[in-house]
PDB file of N, CA and C in Angstrom:
ATOM      1  N   MET A   1      27.160 -22.677-127.752  1.00  0.00           N
ATOM      2  CA  MET A   1      25.767 -23.193-128.292  1.00  0.00           C
ATOM      3  C   MET A   1      26.156 -24.726-128.525  1.00  0.00           C
ATOM      4  N   GLU A   2      25.182 -25.258-128.420  1.00  0.00           N
ATOM      5  CA  GLU A   2      25.373 -26.821-128.890  1.00  0.00           C
ATOM      6  C   GLU A   2      24.720 -27.587-129.753  1.00  0.00           C
ATOM      7  N   THR A   3      25.286 -28.746-130.627  1.00  0.00           N
ATOM      8  CA  THR A   3      25.205 -29.383-131.691  1.00  0.00           C
ATOM      9  C   THR A   3      25.145 -30.412-131.668  1.00  0.00           C
ATOM     10  N   LEU A   4      24.164 -31.585-132.015  1.00  0.00           N
ATOM     11  CA  LEU A   4      24.109 -32.713-132.773  1.00  0.00           C
ATOM     12  C   LEU A   4      25.314 -33.433-134.054  1.00  0.00           C
ATOM     13  N   LEU A   5      25.393 -33.772-133.496  1.00  0.00           N
ATOM     14  CA  LEU A   5      27.055 -34.318-134.313  1.00  0.00           C
ATOM     15  C   LEU A   5      26.384 -35.810-134.787  1.00  0.00           C
ATOM     16  N   ASP A   6      25.992 -36.737-135.568  1.00  0.00           N
ATOM     17  CA  ASP A   6      25.738 -37.998-135.498  1.00  0.00           C
ATOM     18  C   ASP A   6      25.883 -38.317-134.440  1.00  0.00           C
ATOM     19  N   GLY A   7      24.896 -37.826-133.720  1.00  0.00           N
ATOM     20  CA  GLY A   7      24.023 -38.446-132.454  1.00  0.00           C
ATOM     21  C   GLY A   7      25.180 -38.505-130.788  1.00  0.00           C
ATOM     22  N   CYS A   8      26.003 -37.086-131.548  1.00  0.00           N
ATOM     23  CA  CYS A   8      26.963 -36.986-129.654  1.00  0.00           C
ATOM     24  C   CYS A   8      26.437 -35.763-129.824  1.00  0.00           C
ATOM     25  N   ARG A   9      27.219 -34.995-128.678  1.00  0.00           N
ATOM     26  CA  ARG A   9      26.875 -33.941-128.626  1.00  0.00           C
ATOM     27  C   ARG A   9      28.332 -33.403-128.744  1.00  0.00           C
ATOM     28  N   ASP A  10      28.196 -31.980-128.831  1.00  0.00           N
ATOM     29  CA  ASP A  10      29.232 -31.386-129.642  1.00  0.00           C
ATOM     30  C   ASP A  10      29.444 -30.139-128.650  1.00  0.00           C
ATOM     31  N   VAL A  11      29.772 -29.531-128.006  1.00  0.00           N
ATOM     32  CA  VAL A  11      29.663 -27.853-127.239  1.00  0.00           C
ATOM     33  C   VAL A  11      30.527 -27.114-128.433  1.00  0.00           C
ATOM     34  N   VAL A  12      30.308 -25.794-128.799  1.00  0.00           N
ATOM     35  CA  VAL A  12      31.083 -24.748-129.210  1.00  0.00           C
ATOM     36  C   VAL A  12      31.297 -23.435-128.306  1.00  0.00           C
ATOM     37  N   ASN A  13      31.738 -22.804-127.964  1.00  0.00           N
ATOM     38  CA  ASN A  13      32.239 -21.678-127.392  1.00  0.00           C
ATOM     39  C   ASN A  13      32.647 -20.689-128.280  1.00  0.00           C
ATOM     40  N   ILE A  14      32.113 -19.456-128.297  1.00  0.00           N
ATOM     41  CA  ILE A  14      32.298 -18.540-128.756  1.00  0.00           C
ATOM     42  C   ILE A  14      32.979 -17.289-128.163  1.00  0.00           C
ATOM     43  N   VAL A  15      34.166 -16.562-128.201  1.00  0.00           N
ATOM     44  CA  VAL A  15      33.780 -15.575-127.810  1.00  0.00           C
ATOM     45  C   VAL A  15      34.038 -14.763-129.193  1.00  0.00           C
ATOM     46  N   ILE A  16      32.668 -13.591-128.670  1.00  0.00           N
ATOM     47  CA  ILE A  16      32.819 -12.147-129.772  1.00  0.00           C
ATOM     48  C   ILE A  16      33.085 -11.055-129.078  1.00  0.00           C
ATOM     49  N   PRO A  17      34.227 -11.088-129.938  1.00  0.00           N
ATOM     50  CA  PRO A  17      34.495  -9.076-129.108  1.00  0.00           C
ATOM     51  C   PRO A  17      33.977  -8.153-129.109  1.00  0.00           C
ATOM     52  N   ILE A  18      33.690  -6.992-128.307  1.00  0.00           N
ATOM     53  CA  ILE A  18      32.945  -6.041-128.124  1.00  0.00           C
ATOM     54  C   ILE A  18      34.008  -4.540-129.110  1.00  0.00           C
ATOM     55  N   GLU A  19      33.924  -4.658-129.909  1.00  0.00           N
ATOM     56  CA  GLU A  19      34.848  -3.373-130.583  1.00  0.00           C
ATOM     57  C   GLU A  19      34.367  -2.124-130.493  1.00  0.00           C
ATOM     58  N   ASN A  20      32.657  -2.134-130.584  1.00  0.00           N
ATOM     59  CA  ASN A  20      32.346  -0.709-130.349  1.00  0.00           C
ATOM     60  C   ASN A  20      31.463  -0.553-129.111  1.00  0.00           C
ATOM     61  N   THR A  21      31.934   0.507-128.073  1.00  0.00           N
ATOM     62  CA  THR A  21      30.432   0.810-127.598  1.00  0.00           C
ATOM     63  C   THR A  21      29.986   2.190-127.752  1.00  0.00           C
ATOM     64  N   ASP A  22      28.739   2.441-126.926  1.00  0.00           N
ATOM     65  CA  ASP A  22      27.829   3.659-127.795  1.00  0.00           C
ATOM     66  C   ASP A  22      28.486   4.784-126.733  1.00  0.00           C
ATOM     67  N   PHE A  23      29.646   4.393-125.860  1.00  0.00           N
ATOM     68  CA  PHE A  23      29.978   5.801-125.153  1.00  0.00           C
ATOM     69  C   PHE A  23      31.066   6.399-125.807  1.00  0.00           C
ATOM     70  N   SER A  24      31.122   7.434-124.543  1.00  0.00           N
ATOM     71  CA  SER A  24      32.164   8.889-125.192  1.00  0.00           C
ATOM     72  C   SER A  24      32.726   9.724-124.055  1.00  0.00           C
ATOM     73  N   ASN A  25      33.473  10.096-124.493  1.00  0.00           N
ATOM     74  CA  ASN A  25      34.055  10.921-123.250  1.00  0.00           C
ATOM     75  C   ASN A  25      32.941  11.855-122.443  1.00  0.00           C
ATOM     76  N   SER A  26      31.957  12.033-123.022  1.00  0.00           N
ATOM     77  CA  SER A  26      30.862  12.991-123.336  1.00  0.00           C
ATOM     78  C   SER A  26      29.890  12.618-122.287  1.00  0.00           C
ATOM     79  N   ASP A  27      29.968  11.084-122.428  1.00  0.00           N
ATOM     80  CA  ASP A  27      29.264  10.333-121.615  1.00  0.00           C
ATOM     81  C   ASP A  27      29.421  10.248-120.258  1.00  0.00           C
ATOM     82  N   PHE A  28      30.723  10.232-119.219  1.00  0.00           N
ATOM     83  CA  PHE A  28      31.256  10.406-118.683  1.00  0.00           C
ATOM     84  C   PHE A  28      31.078  12.057-117.937  1.00  0.00           C
ATOM     85  N   PRO A  29      30.420  12.106-117.073  1.00  0.00           N
ATOM     86  CA  PRO A  29      29.811  13.641-115.919  1.00  0.00           C
ATOM     87  C   PRO A  29      31.255  13.939-115.672  1.00  0.00           C
ATOM     88  N   ASN A  30      31.697  15.666-115.726  1.00  0.00           N
ATOM     89  CA  ASN A  30      33.175  16.022-115.430  1.00  0.00           C
ATOM     90  C   ASN A  30      32.758  17.336-114.335  1.00  0.00           C
ATOM     91  N   VAL A  31      31.555  17.017-113.647  1.00  0.00           N
ATOM     92  CA  VAL A  31      31.338  17.770-112.328  1.00  0.00           C
ATOM     93  C   VAL A  31      30.597  16.901-110.920  1.00  0.00           C
ATOM     94  N   ILE A  32      31.382  16.941-109.774  1.00  0.00           N
ATOM     95  CA  ILE A  32      30.589  16.104-108.877  1.00  0.00           C
ATOM     96  C   ILE A  32      30.725  16.626-107.857  1.00  0.00           C
ATOM     97  N   THR A  33      29.338  17.138-106.660  1.00  0.00           N
ATOM     98  CA  THR A  33      29.021  17.941-106.187  1.00  0.00           C
ATOM     99  C   THR A  33      28.400  16.793-104.729  1.00  0.00           C
ATOM    100  N   PRO A  34      29.048  16.013-103.914  1.00  0.00           N
ATOM    101  CA  PRO A  34      29.475  14.884-103.177  1.00  0.00           C
ATOM    102  C   PRO A  34      28.951  16.314-101.412  1.00  0.00           C
ATOM    103  N   ASN A  35      27.199  17.754-101.578  1.00  0.00           N
ATOM    104  CA  ASN A  35      27.476  17.744-100.668  1.00  0.00           C
ATOM    105  C   ASN A  35      26.569  17.171 -99.669  1.00  0.00           C
ATOM    106  N   GLY A  36      25.770  16.395 -99.963  1.00  0.00           N
ATOM    107  CA  GLY A  36      25.028  15.851 -98.958  1.00  0.00           C
ATOM    108  C   GLY A  36      22.903  16.183 -99.485  1.00  0.00           C
ATOM    109  N   ASP A  37      23.448  16.937-100.778  1.00  0.00           N
ATOM    110  CA  ASP A  37      21.889  17.201-100.688  1.00  0.00           C
ATOM    111  C   ASP A  37      20.980  16.081-102.114  1.00  0.00           C
ATOM    112  N   GLY A  38      21.806  14.843-102.358  1.00  0.00           N
ATOM    113  CA  GLY A  38      21.808  14.284-103.081  1.00  0.00           C
ATOM    114  C   GLY A  38      21.551  14.218-104.160  1.00  0.00           C
ATOM    115  N   ILE A  39      21.645  14.849-104.731  1.00  0.00           N
ATOM    116  CA  ILE A  39      21.730  15.370-106.354  1.00  0.00           C
ATOM    117  C   ILE A  39      23.479  15.288-106.539  1.00  0.00           C
ATOM    118  N   ASN A  40      23.776  14.398-107.649  1.00  0.00           N
ATOM    119  CA  ASN A  40      25.252  14.640-108.143  1.00  0.00           C
ATOM    120  C   ASN A  40      26.115  13.827-106.970  1.00  0.00           C
ATOM    121  N   ASP A  41      25.173  13.441-105.518  1.00  0.00           N
ATOM    122  CA  ASP A  41      26.553  13.369-104.397  1.00  0.00           C
ATOM    123  C   ASP A  41      27.615  12.021-105.169  1.00  0.00           C
ATOM    124  N   PHE A  42      27.471  10.716-105.872  1.00  0.00           N
ATOM    125  CA  PHE A  42      27.653  10.479-106.160  1.00  0.00           C
ATOM    126  C   PHE A  42      28.170   9.943-107.119  1.00  0.00           C
ATOM    127  N   TRP A  43      29.391   9.150-108.344  1.00  0.00           N
ATOM    128  CA  TRP A  43      29.979   9.453-109.522  1.00  0.00           C
ATOM    129  C   TRP A  43      29.557   8.025-110.067  1.00  0.00           C
ATOM    130  N   CYS A  44      28.232   7.225-110.833  1.00  0.00           N
ATOM    131  CA  CYS A  44      27.689   5.941-110.762  1.00  0.00           C
ATOM    132  C   CYS A  44      28.007   5.250-112.375  1.00  0.00           C
ATOM    133  N   PHE A  45      28.050   4.301-112.648  1.00  0.00           N
ATOM    134  CA  PHE A  45      28.242   3.872-113.968  1.00  0.00           C
ATOM    135  C   PHE A  45      27.422   3.163-114.883  1.00  0.00           C
ATOM    136  N   GLU A  46      25.969   3.465-114.425  1.00  0.00           N
ATOM    137  CA  GLU A  46      24.774   1.884-114.697  1.00  0.00           C
ATOM    138  C   GLU A  46      24.727   2.067-116.004  1.00  0.00           C
ATOM    139  N   GLU A  47      25.319   3.137-116.698  1.00  0.00           N
ATOM    140  CA  GLU A  47      24.912   2.881-118.153  1.00  0.00           C
ATOM    141  C   GLU A  47      26.291   1.593-118.992  1.00  0.00           C
ATOM    142  N   ALA A  48      26.843   1.584-118.002  1.00  0.00           N
ATOM    143  CA  ALA A  48      27.307   0.509-118.750  1.00  0.00           C
ATOM    144  C   ALA A  48      27.363  -1.054-117.996  1.00  0.00           C
ATOM    145  N   ALA A  49      26.334  -1.531-117.074  1.00  0.00           N
ATOM    146  CA  ALA A  49      25.884  -2.058-116.998  1.00  0.00           C
ATOM    147  C   ALA A  49      26.151  -3.255-117.448  1.00  0.00           C
ATOM    148  N   SER A  50      25.905  -3.231-118.265  1.00  0.00           N
ATOM    149  CA  SER A  50      25.467  -4.626-120.088  1.00  0.00           C
ATOM    150  C   SER A  50      27.162  -4.798-120.176  1.00  0.00           C
ATOM    151  N   PHE A  51      28.010  -4.149-119.495  1.00  0.00           N
ATOM    152  CA  PHE A  51      29.546  -4.813-119.998  1.00  0.00           C
ATOM    153  C   PHE A  51      29.900  -4.870-118.394  1.00  0.00           C
ATOM    154  N   ALA A  52      29.438  -5.603-117.891  1.00  0.00           N
ATOM    155  CA  ALA A  52      30.006  -5.943-116.236  1.00  0.00           C
ATOM    156  C   ALA A  52      31.035  -6.878-116.402  1.00  0.00           C
ATOM    157  N   ASP A  53      31.405  -7.657-117.368  1.00  0.00           N
ATOM    158  CA  ASP A  53      32.132  -8.370-117.541  1.00  0.00           C
ATOM    159  C   ASP A  53      33.449  -8.150-118.525  1.00  0.00           C
ATOM    160  N   CYS A  54      33.579  -6.937-118.584  1.00  0.00           N
ATOM    161  CA  CYS A  54      34.767  -6.238-119.426  1.00  0.00           C
ATOM    162  C   CYS A  54      34.738  -4.184-119.436  1.00  0.00           C
ATOM    163  N   PHE A  55      34.364  -3.971-117.829  1.00  0.00           N
ATOM    164  CA  PHE A  55      34.330  -3.333-117.485  1.00  0.00           C
ATOM    165  C   PHE A  55      35.507  -2.550-116.563  1.00  0.00           C
ATOM    166  N   GLU A  56      35.898  -1.408-115.930  1.00  0.00           N
ATOM    167  CA  GLU A  56      37.010  -1.397-115.067  1.00  0.00           C
ATOM    168  C   GLU A  56      37.137  -0.071-115.546  1.00  0.00           C
ATOM    169  N   ILE A  57      37.417   0.545-114.121  1.00  0.00           N
ATOM    170  CA  ILE A  57      37.525   2.326-113.927  1.00  0.00           C
ATOM    171  C   ILE A  57      38.531   2.729-112.615  1.00  0.00           C
ATOM    172  N   GLN A  58      39.288   3.435-112.533  1.00  0.00           N
ATOM    173  CA  GLN A  58      40.812   3.815-112.214  1.00  0.00           C
ATOM    174  C   GLN A  58      40.447   5.540-111.245  1.00  0.00           C
ATOM    175  N   ILE A  59      39.988   6.160-110.939  1.00  0.00           N
ATOM    176  CA  ILE A  59      40.444   7.513-110.439  1.00  0.00           C
ATOM    177  C   ILE A  59      41.214   7.813-109.229  1.00  0.00           C
ATOM    178  N   PHE A  60      41.891   8.487-110.071  1.00  0.00           N
ATOM    179  CA  PHE A  60      43.772   9.495-109.516  1.00  0.00           C
ATOM    180  C   PHE A  60      43.242  10.662-108.297  1.00  0.00           C
ATOM    181  N   ASN A  61      44.254  11.195-107.593  1.00  0.00           N
ATOM    182  CA  ASN A  61      44.397  12.768-107.801  1.00  0.00           C
ATOM    183  C   ASN A  61      44.934  12.823-108.581  1.00  0.00           C
ATOM    184  N   ARG A  62      46.088  14.496-108.043  1.00  0.00           N
ATOM    185  CA  ARG A  62      46.532  15.112-109.126  1.00  0.00           C
ATOM    186  C   ARG A  62      47.951  15.111-108.914  1.00  0.00           C
ATOM    187  N   TRP A  63      47.337  14.500-107.621  1.00  0.00           N
ATOM    188  CA  TRP A  63      49.433  13.377-107.078  1.00  0.00           C
ATOM    189  C   TRP A  63      49.599  12.248-108.186  1.00  0.00           C
ATOM    190  N   GLY A  64      48.485  12.079-108.559  1.00  0.00           N
ATOM    191  CA  GLY A  64      48.906  10.452-108.911  1.00  0.00           C
ATOM    192  C   GLY A  64      48.329   9.129-108.144  1.00  0.00           C
ATOM    193  N   GLN A  65      47.878   9.510-107.072  1.00  0.00           N
ATOM    194  CA  GLN A  65      47.233   8.496-106.183  1.00  0.00           C
ATOM    195  C   GLN A  65      46.209   7.493-106.690  1.00  0.00           C
ATOM    196  N   GLN A  66      46.148   6.440-106.418  1.00  0.00           N
ATOM    197  CA  GLN A  66      44.642   6.148-106.627  1.00  0.00           C
ATOM    198  C   GLN A  66      43.546   6.011-105.822  1.00  0.00           C
ATOM    199  N   VAL A  67      42.384   6.822-105.490  1.00  0.00           N
ATOM    200  CA  VAL A  67      41.748   7.274-104.970  1.00  0.00           C
ATOM    201  C   VAL A  67      40.520   6.730-104.792  1.00  0.00           C
ATOM    202  N   PHE A  68      40.392   6.030-106.363  1.00  0.00           N
ATOM    203  CA  PHE A  68      38.590   4.094-106.587  1.00  0.00           C
ATOM    204  C   PHE A  68      39.839   3.965-107.527  1.00  0.00           C
ATOM    205  N   GLN A  69      38.436   2.471-107.378  1.00  0.00           N
ATOM    206  CA  GLN A  69      39.054   1.389-108.288  1.00  0.00           C
ATOM    207  C   GLN A  69      37.564   0.724-108.560  1.00  0.00           C
ATOM    208  N   SER A  70      37.773   0.524-109.325  1.00  0.00           N
ATOM    209  CA  SER A  70      36.434  -0.839-109.936  1.00  0.00           C
ATOM    210  C   SER A  70      36.337  -1.417-110.753  1.00  0.00           C
ATOM    211  N   SER A  71      35.296  -2.648-110.882  1.00  0.00           N
ATOM    212  CA  SER A  71      35.758  -3.890-112.105  1.00  0.00           C
ATOM    213  C   SER A  71      34.047  -3.945-112.242  1.00  0.00           C
ATOM    214  N   THR A  72      33.327  -3.306-111.358  1.00  0.00           N
ATOM    215  CA  THR A  72      31.883  -3.230-111.269  1.00  0.00           C
ATOM    216  C   THR A  72      30.805  -2.510-111.325  1.00  0.00           C
ATOM    217  N   PRO A  73      30.333  -2.044-112.897  1.00  0.00           N
ATOM    218  CA  PRO A  73      29.155  -0.907-112.622  1.00  0.00           C
ATOM    219  C   PRO A  73      29.093  -0.158-111.646  1.00  0.00           C
ATOM    220  N   GLU A  74      27.843  -1.252-111.140  1.00  0.00           N
ATOM    221  CA  GLU A  74      27.217  -1.005-109.823  1.00  0.00           C
ATOM    222  C   GLU A  74      27.750  -0.280-108.637  1.00  0.00           C
ATOM    223  N   ASN A  75      29.324  -0.107-108.816  1.00  0.00           N
ATOM    224  CA  ASN A  75      30.168   0.581-107.678  1.00  0.00           C
ATOM    225  C   ASN A  75      29.937   1.891-107.938  1.00  0.00           C
ATOM    226  N   CYS A  76      29.345   2.631-107.322  1.00  0.00           N
ATOM    227  CA  CYS A  76      29.637   4.319-107.140  1.00  0.00           C
ATOM    228  C   CYS A  76      31.219   4.553-106.495  1.00  0.00           C
ATOM    229  N   TRP A  77      31.150   5.989-107.759  1.00  0.00           N
ATOM    230  CA  TRP A  77      32.430   6.472-106.482  1.00  0.00           C
ATOM    231  C   TRP A  77      31.756   7.519-105.794  1.00  0.00           C
ATOM    232  N   ASP A  78      32.528   6.961-104.512  1.00  0.00           N
ATOM    233  CA  ASP A  78      31.690   8.488-103.009  1.00  0.00           C
ATOM    234  C   ASP A  78      33.046   9.274-102.549  1.00  0.00           C
ATOM    235  N   PRO A  79      33.394  10.214-102.897  1.00  0.00           N
ATOM    236  CA  PRO A  79      34.009  11.476-102.682  1.00  0.00           C
ATOM    237  C   PRO A  79      34.114  12.147-101.678  1.00  0.00           C
ATOM    238  N   ARG A  80      33.246  11.951-100.690  1.00  0.00           N
ATOM    239  CA  ARG A  80      32.962  13.099 -99.475  1.00  0.00           C
ATOM    240  C   ARG A  80      33.776  12.891 -98.728  1.00  0.00           C
ATOM    241  N   ASN A  81      34.942  11.745 -98.248  1.00  0.00           N
ATOM    242  CA  ASN A  81      36.240  12.066 -98.038  1.00  0.00           C
ATOM    243  C   ASN A  81      37.057  12.389 -98.630  1.00  0.00           C
ATOM    244  N   LEU A  82      37.298  12.874 -99.747  1.00  0.00           N
ATOM    245  CA  LEU A  82      38.225  13.728-100.284  1.00  0.00           C
ATOM    246  C   LEU A  82      37.662  14.520-100.766  1.00  0.00           C
ATOM    247  N   PRO A  83      39.259  15.268-100.631  1.00  0.00           N
ATOM    248  CA  PRO A  83      38.933  17.301-101.276  1.00  0.00           C
ATOM    249  C   PRO A  83      38.179  17.523-102.410  1.00  0.00           C
ATOM    250  N   ALA A  84      37.812  18.754-102.675  1.00  0.00           N
ATOM    251  CA  ALA A  84      37.057  19.614-103.517  1.00  0.00           C
ATOM    252  C   ALA A  84      38.578  19.438-104.510  1.00  0.00           C
ATOM    253  N   GLY A  85      38.302  19.711-106.194  1.00  0.00           N
ATOM    254  CA  GLY A  85      39.531  19.427-106.749  1.00  0.00           C
ATOM    255  C   GLY A  85      39.415  18.949-107.548  1.00  0.00           C
ATOM    256  N   VAL A  86      40.114  18.705-108.869  1.00  0.00           N
ATOM    257  CA  VAL A  86      39.944  18.083-109.678  1.00  0.00           C
ATOM    258  C   VAL A  86      40.923  16.609-109.643  1.00  0.00           C
ATOM    259  N   TYR A  87      40.101  15.790-110.260  1.00  0.00           N
ATOM    260  CA  TYR A  87      40.545  14.038-110.009  1.00  0.00           C
ATOM    261  C   TYR A  87      40.636  13.899-111.645  1.00  0.00           C
ATOM    262  N   PHE A  88      41.080  12.792-112.261  1.00  0.00           N
ATOM    263  CA  PHE A  88      41.334  11.978-113.482  1.00  0.00           C
ATOM    264  C   PHE A  88      41.141  10.881-112.911  1.00  0.00           C
ATOM    265  N   TYR A  89      40.457  10.086-114.901  1.00  0.00           N
ATOM    266  CA  TYR A  89      40.132   8.799-114.694  1.00  0.00           C
ATOM    267  C   TYR A  89      40.595   8.436-115.976  1.00  0.00           C
ATOM    268  N   THR A  90      40.440   6.953-116.072  1.00  0.00           N
ATOM    269  CA  THR A  90      40.854   5.802-116.844  1.00  0.00           C
ATOM    270  C   THR A  90      40.143   5.319-117.268  1.00  0.00           C
ATOM    271  N   SER A  91      39.490   4.300-118.111  1.00  0.00           N
ATOM    272  CA  SER A  91      38.451   3.192-117.732  1.00  0.00           C
ATOM    273  C   SER A  91      38.060   2.836-119.124  1.00  0.00           C
ATOM    274  N   THR A  92      38.051   1.294-119.315  1.00  0.00           N
ATOM    275  CA  THR A  92      37.573   0.523-119.858  1.00  0.00           C
ATOM    276  C   THR A  92      36.587  -0.433-120.334  1.00  0.00           C
ATOM    277  N   ILE A  93      35.287  -0.180-120.961  1.00  0.00           N
ATOM    278  CA  ILE A  93      34.315  -0.227-121.294  1.00  0.00           C
ATOM    279  C   ILE A  93      34.442  -1.203-122.534  1.00  0.00           C
ATOM    280  N   GLY A  94      34.496  -2.818-122.871  1.00  0.00           N
ATOM    281  CA  GLY A  94      34.505  -3.331-123.522  1.00  0.00           C
ATOM    282  C   GLY A  94      36.087  -3.112-124.140  1.00  0.00           C
ATOM    283  N   GLU A  95      36.085  -2.664-125.190  1.00  0.00           N
ATOM    284  CA  GLU A  95      37.576  -3.292-125.573  1.00  0.00           C
ATOM    285  C   GLU A  95      38.304  -1.078-126.250  1.00  0.00           C
ATOM    286  N   ALA A  96      36.902  -0.421-125.260  1.00  0.00           N
ATOM    287  CA  ALA A  96      37.289   0.203-126.088  1.00  0.00           C
ATOM    288  C   ALA A  96      38.090   1.735-124.537  1.00  0.00           C
ATOM    289  N   ALA A  97      39.112   2.386-124.221  1.00  0.00           N
ATOM    290  CA  ALA A  97      39.517   3.203-123.079  1.00  0.00           C
ATOM    291  C   ALA A  97      39.218   4.693-123.622  1.00  0.00           C
ATOM    292  N   TYR A  98      38.533   5.277-121.981  1.00  0.00           N
ATOM    293  CA  TYR A  98      38.830   6.608-121.566  1.00  0.00           C
ATOM    294  C   TYR A  98      39.527   6.479-120.619  1.00  0.00           C
ATOM    295  N   LYS A  99      39.552   8.050-121.039  1.00  0.00           N
ATOM    296  CA  LYS A  99      40.057   9.194-120.055  1.00  0.00           C
ATOM    297  C   LYS A  99      40.000  10.593-120.013  1.00  0.00           C
ATOM    298  N   GLY A 100      40.272  11.274-118.527  1.00  0.00           N
ATOM    299  CA  GLY A 100      39.599  12.556-118.390  1.00  0.00           C
ATOM    300  C   GLY A 100      39.135  13.199-117.447  1.00  0.00           C
ATOM    301  N   THR A 101      38.651  14.104-116.880  1.00  0.00           N
ATOM    302  CA  THR A 101      38.838  14.471-115.956  1.00  0.00           C
ATOM    303  C   THR A 101      37.612  14.902-115.035  1.00  0.00           C
ATOM    304  N   ILE A 102      36.946  14.470-113.878  1.00  0.00           N
ATOM    305  CA  ILE A 102      36.059  14.704-113.245  1.00  0.00           C
ATOM    306  C   ILE A 102      36.857  15.917-112.032  1.00  0.00           C
ATOM    307  N   THR A 103      35.496  17.085-111.496  1.00  0.00           N
ATOM    308  CA  THR A 103      35.971  17.875-110.435  1.00  0.00           C
ATOM    309  C   THR A 103      34.919  17.964-109.531  1.00  0.00           C
ATOM    310  N   VAL A 104      35.553  17.832-108.249  1.00  0.00           N
ATOM    311  CA  VAL A 104      34.723  17.425-107.023  1.00  0.00           C
ATOM    312  C   VAL A 104      34.726  19.059-106.867  1.00  0.00           C
ATOM    313  N   ILE A 105      32.997  19.217-106.498  1.00  0.00           N
ATOM    314  CA  ILE A 105      33.063  20.999-105.748  1.00  0.00           C
ATOM    315  C   ILE A 105      31.923  21.026-104.439  1.00  0.00           C
ATOM    316  N   LYS A 106      32.721  21.118-103.567  1.00  0.00           N
ATOM    317  CA  LYS A 106      31.914  21.037-102.225  1.00  0.00           C
ATOM    318  C   LYS A 106      31.163  22.071-101.714  1.00  0.00           C
TER     319      LYS A 106
END
């Protein structure tokens, strides 16, 4: 925001924290079927595009090894080269944190 003060310019930067997003764990799908049929082959995060500056997701296998990480909502998770099974995710969107599971069925 720019203001004019006695003929001089002054710039004010304001950081507005995002305390509430319109997401819940139910917004994250819990099953993905990367079988090449064009339906649910990837896990995408388009709904979080407006939070691109404050988005983070990590996906882990059952041994706790990270198999995917992104800080860009446009990056989709493609699990085609991973075995079927249950994976765990943690995500931060704005100031809200989410965690849960997603099952890969082939």
